[in-house]
PDB file of N, CA and C in Angstrom:
ATOM      1  N   MET A   1     121.220  93.544  81.400  1.00  0.00           N
ATOM      2  CA  MET A   1     120.504  92.442  82.057  1.00  0.00           C
ATOM      3  C   MET A   1     121.253  91.118  81.845  1.00  0.00           C
ATOM      4  N   VAL A   2     121.567  90.805  80.602  1.00  0.00           N
ATOM      5  CA  VAL A   2     122.252  89.549  80.301  1.00  0.00           C
ATOM      6  C   VAL A   2     123.650  89.549  80.911  1.00  0.00           C
ATOM      7  N   LYS A   3     124.335  90.695  80.840  1.00  0.00           N
ATOM      8  CA  LYS A   3     125.683  90.788  81.398  1.00  0.00           C
ATOM      9  C   LYS A   3     125.660  90.608  82.914  1.00  0.00           C
ATOM     10  N   ALA A   4     124.683  91.231  83.570  1.00  0.00           N
ATOM     11  CA  ALA A   4     124.561  91.086  85.027  1.00  0.00           C
ATOM     12  C   ALA A   4     124.255  89.644  85.401  1.00  0.00           C
ATOM     13  N   LEU A   5     123.383  89.007  84.648  1.00  0.00           N
ATOM     14  CA  LEU A   5     123.053  87.604  84.919  1.00  0.00           C
ATOM     15  C   LEU A   5     124.275  86.715  84.707  1.00  0.00           C
ATOM     16  N   ARG A   6     125.029  86.971  83.648  1.00  0.00           N
ATOM     17  CA  ARG A   6     126.236  86.185  83.378  1.00  0.00           C
ATOM     18  C   ARG A   6     127.271  86.368  84.492  1.00  0.00           C
ATOM     19  N   ASN A   7     127.462  87.602  84.958  1.00  0.00           N
ATOM     20  CA  ASN A   7     128.399  87.851  86.054  1.00  0.00           C
ATOM     21  C   ASN A   7     127.954  87.147  87.322  1.00  0.00           C
ATOM     22  N   TRP A   8     126.643  87.194  87.600  1.00  0.00           N
ATOM     23  CA  TRP A   8     126.124  86.534  88.804  1.00  0.00           C
ATOM     24  C   TRP A   8     126.319  85.028  88.721  1.00  0.00           C
ATOM     25  N   LEU A   9     126.081  84.460  87.547  1.00  0.00           N
ATOM     26  CA  LEU A   9     126.267  83.019  87.373  1.00  0.00           C
ATOM     27  C   LEU A   9     127.729  82.627  87.542  1.00  0.00           C
ATOM     28  N   GLN A  10     128.653  83.461  87.074  1.00  0.00           N
ATOM     29  CA  GLN A  10     130.072  83.129  87.207  1.00  0.00           C
ATOM     30  C   GLN A  10     130.510  83.151  88.668  1.00  0.00           C
ATOM     31  N   THR A  11     129.921  84.012  89.479  1.00  0.00           N
ATOM     32  CA  THR A  11     130.320  84.073  90.883  1.00  0.00           C
ATOM     33  C   THR A  11     129.594  83.051  91.748  1.00  0.00           C
ATOM     34  N   HIS A  12     128.417  82.586  91.310  1.00  0.00           N
ATOM     35  CA  HIS A  12     127.625  81.639  92.104  1.00  0.00           C
ATOM     36  C   HIS A  12     127.280  80.406  91.273  1.00  0.00           C
ATOM     37  N   GLU A  13     128.246  79.783  90.637  1.00  0.00           N
ATOM     38  CA  GLU A  13     127.952  78.764  89.629  1.00  0.00           C
ATOM     39  C   GLU A  13     127.087  77.618  90.140  1.00  0.00           C
ATOM     40  N   LEU A  14     127.585  76.823  91.072  1.00  0.00           N
ATOM     41  CA  LEU A  14     126.858  75.619  91.471  1.00  0.00           C
ATOM     42  C   LEU A  14     125.556  75.928  92.198  1.00  0.00           C
ATOM     43  N   PRO A  15     125.530  76.827  93.189  1.00  0.00           N
ATOM     44  CA  PRO A  15     124.249  77.133  93.837  1.00  0.00           C
ATOM     45  C   PRO A  15     123.216  77.680  92.863  1.00  0.00           C
ATOM     46  N   ALA A  16     123.660  78.484  91.895  1.00  0.00           N
ATOM     47  CA  ALA A  16     122.715  79.043  90.927  1.00  0.00           C
ATOM     48  C   ALA A  16     122.114  77.947  90.066  1.00  0.00           C
ATOM     49  N   ILE A  17     122.929  76.990  89.646  1.00  0.00           N
ATOM     50  CA  ILE A  17     122.420  75.887  88.824  1.00  0.00           C
ATOM     51  C   ILE A  17     121.434  75.055  89.630  1.00  0.00           C
ATOM     52  N   ILE A  18     121.770  74.769  90.893  1.00  0.00           N
ATOM     53  CA  ILE A  18     120.873  73.976  91.735  1.00  0.00           C
ATOM     54  C   ILE A  18     119.552  74.705  91.942  1.00  0.00           C
ATOM     55  N   ILE A  19     119.617  76.009  92.243  1.00  0.00           N
ATOM     56  CA  ILE A  19     118.395  76.789  92.458  1.00  0.00           C
ATOM     57  C   ILE A  19     117.561  76.840  91.191  1.00  0.00           C
ATOM     58  N   ALA A  20     118.203  77.004  90.041  1.00  0.00           N
ATOM     59  CA  ALA A  20     117.465  77.068  88.777  1.00  0.00           C
ATOM     60  C   ALA A  20     116.756  75.748  88.497  1.00  0.00           C
ATOM     61  N   VAL A  21     117.460  74.628  88.689  1.00  0.00           N
ATOM     62  CA  VAL A  21     116.848  73.317  88.434  1.00  0.00           C
ATOM     63  C   VAL A  21     115.680  73.079  89.384  1.00  0.00           C
ATOM     64  N   LEU A  22     115.874  73.385  90.665  1.00  0.00           N
ATOM     65  CA  LEU A  22     114.797  73.180  91.636  1.00  0.00           C
ATOM     66  C   LEU A  22     113.600  74.071  91.336  1.00  0.00           C
ATOM     67  N   SER A  23     113.840  75.311  90.931  1.00  0.00           N
ATOM     68  CA  SER A  23     112.719  76.199  90.640  1.00  0.00           C
ATOM     69  C   SER A  23     111.957  75.748  89.401  1.00  0.00           C
ATOM     70  N   VAL A  24     112.668  75.229  88.397  1.00  0.00           N
ATOM     71  CA  VAL A  24     111.986  74.712  87.203  1.00  0.00           C
ATOM     72  C   VAL A  24     111.135  73.499  87.573  1.00  0.00           C
ATOM     73  N   ILE A  25     111.686  72.596  88.407  1.00  0.00           N
ATOM     74  CA  ILE A  25     110.924  71.419  88.831  1.00  0.00           C
ATOM     75  C   ILE A  25     109.691  71.839  89.623  1.00  0.00           C
ATOM     76  N   MET A  26     109.856  72.791  90.531  1.00  0.00           N
ATOM     77  CA  MET A  26     108.720  73.266  91.323  1.00  0.00           C
ATOM     78  C   MET A  26     107.655  73.897  90.429  1.00  0.00           C
ATOM     79  N   LEU A  27     108.090  74.714  89.467  1.00  0.00           N
ATOM     80  CA  LEU A  27     107.143  75.368  88.565  1.00  0.00           C
ATOM     81  C   LEU A  27     106.367  74.344  87.749  1.00  0.00           C
ATOM     82  N   MET A  28     107.057  73.315  87.250  1.00  0.00           N
ATOM     83  CA  MET A  28     106.381  72.289  86.469  1.00  0.00           C
ATOM     84  C   MET A  28     105.402  71.494  87.322  1.00  0.00           C
ATOM     85  N   SER A  29     105.783  71.158  88.550  1.00  0.00           N
ATOM     86  CA  SER A  29     104.886  70.368  89.397  1.00  0.00           C
ATOM     87  C   SER A  29     103.668  71.183  89.795  1.00  0.00           C
ATOM     88  N   VAL A  30     103.858  72.457  90.118  1.00  0.00           N
ATOM     89  CA  VAL A  30     102.704  73.300  90.451  1.00  0.00           C
ATOM     90  C   VAL A  30     101.782  73.439  89.246  1.00  0.00           C
ATOM     91  N   THR A  31     102.364  73.607  88.060  1.00  0.00           N
ATOM     92  CA  THR A  31     101.555  73.713  86.846  1.00  0.00           C
ATOM     93  C   THR A  31     100.754  72.435  86.610  1.00  0.00           C
ATOM     94  N   LEU A  32     101.386  71.277  86.803  1.00  0.00           N
ATOM     95  CA  LEU A  32     100.679  70.013  86.611  1.00  0.00           C
ATOM     96  C   LEU A  32      99.552  69.855  87.626  1.00  0.00           C
ATOM     97  N   VAL A  33      99.807  70.202  88.885  1.00  0.00           N
ATOM     98  CA  VAL A  33      98.782  70.054  89.915  1.00  0.00           C
ATOM     99  C   VAL A  33      97.613  70.988  89.642  1.00  0.00           C
ATOM    100  N   VAL A  34      97.906  72.252  89.347  1.00  0.00           N
ATOM    101  CA  VAL A  34      96.834  73.226  89.095  1.00  0.00           C
ATOM    102  C   VAL A  34      96.088  72.862  87.823  1.00  0.00           C
ATOM    103  N   GLY A  35      96.824  72.460  86.783  1.00  0.00           N
ATOM    104  CA  GLY A  35      96.156  72.075  85.531  1.00  0.00           C
ATOM    105  C   GLY A  35      95.305  70.831  85.693  1.00  0.00           C
ATOM    106  N   GLY A  36      95.798  69.865  86.428  1.00  0.00           N
ATOM    107  CA  GLY A  36      95.003  68.664  86.694  1.00  0.00           C
ATOM    108  C   GLY A  36      93.757  68.968  87.492  1.00  0.00           C
ATOM    109  N   TYR A  37      93.899  69.811  88.519  1.00  0.00           N
ATOM    110  CA  TYR A  37      92.735  70.203  89.324  1.00  0.00           C
ATOM    111  C   TYR A  37      91.723  70.938  88.457  1.00  0.00           C
ATOM    112  N   TRP A  38      92.214  71.822  87.575  1.00  0.00           N
ATOM    113  CA  TRP A  38      91.330  72.583  86.710  1.00  0.00           C
ATOM    114  C   TRP A  38      90.594  71.658  85.743  1.00  0.00           C
ATOM    115  N   LEU A  39      91.294  70.645  85.202  1.00  0.00           N
ATOM    116  CA  LEU A  39      90.648  69.705  84.289  1.00  0.00           C
ATOM    117  C   LEU A  39      89.598  68.864  85.004  1.00  0.00           C
ATOM    118  N   VAL A  40      89.897  68.445  86.234  1.00  0.00           N
ATOM    119  CA  VAL A  40      88.966  67.577  86.966  1.00  0.00           C
ATOM    120  C   VAL A  40      87.722  68.351  87.379  1.00  0.00           C
ATOM    121  N   THR A  41      87.873  69.610  87.748  1.00  0.00           N
ATOM    122  CA  THR A  41      86.743  70.372  88.260  1.00  0.00           C
ATOM    123  C   THR A  41      85.952  71.065  87.164  1.00  0.00           C
ATOM    124  N   ARG A  42      86.361  70.944  85.909  1.00  0.00           N
ATOM    125  CA  ARG A  42      85.615  71.592  84.822  1.00  0.00           C
ATOM    126  C   ARG A  42      84.298  70.921  84.586  1.00  0.00           C
TER     127      ARG A  42
END
């Protein structure tokens, strides 16, 4: 698993980094929105 991921990252360096950063940002924003909605509606 780790070896396959490392090989994939070496062949797709910049797009993989961009996709990873964007997905982390999206995950955090969705978590904040859902958590905020959950806190407000409790």
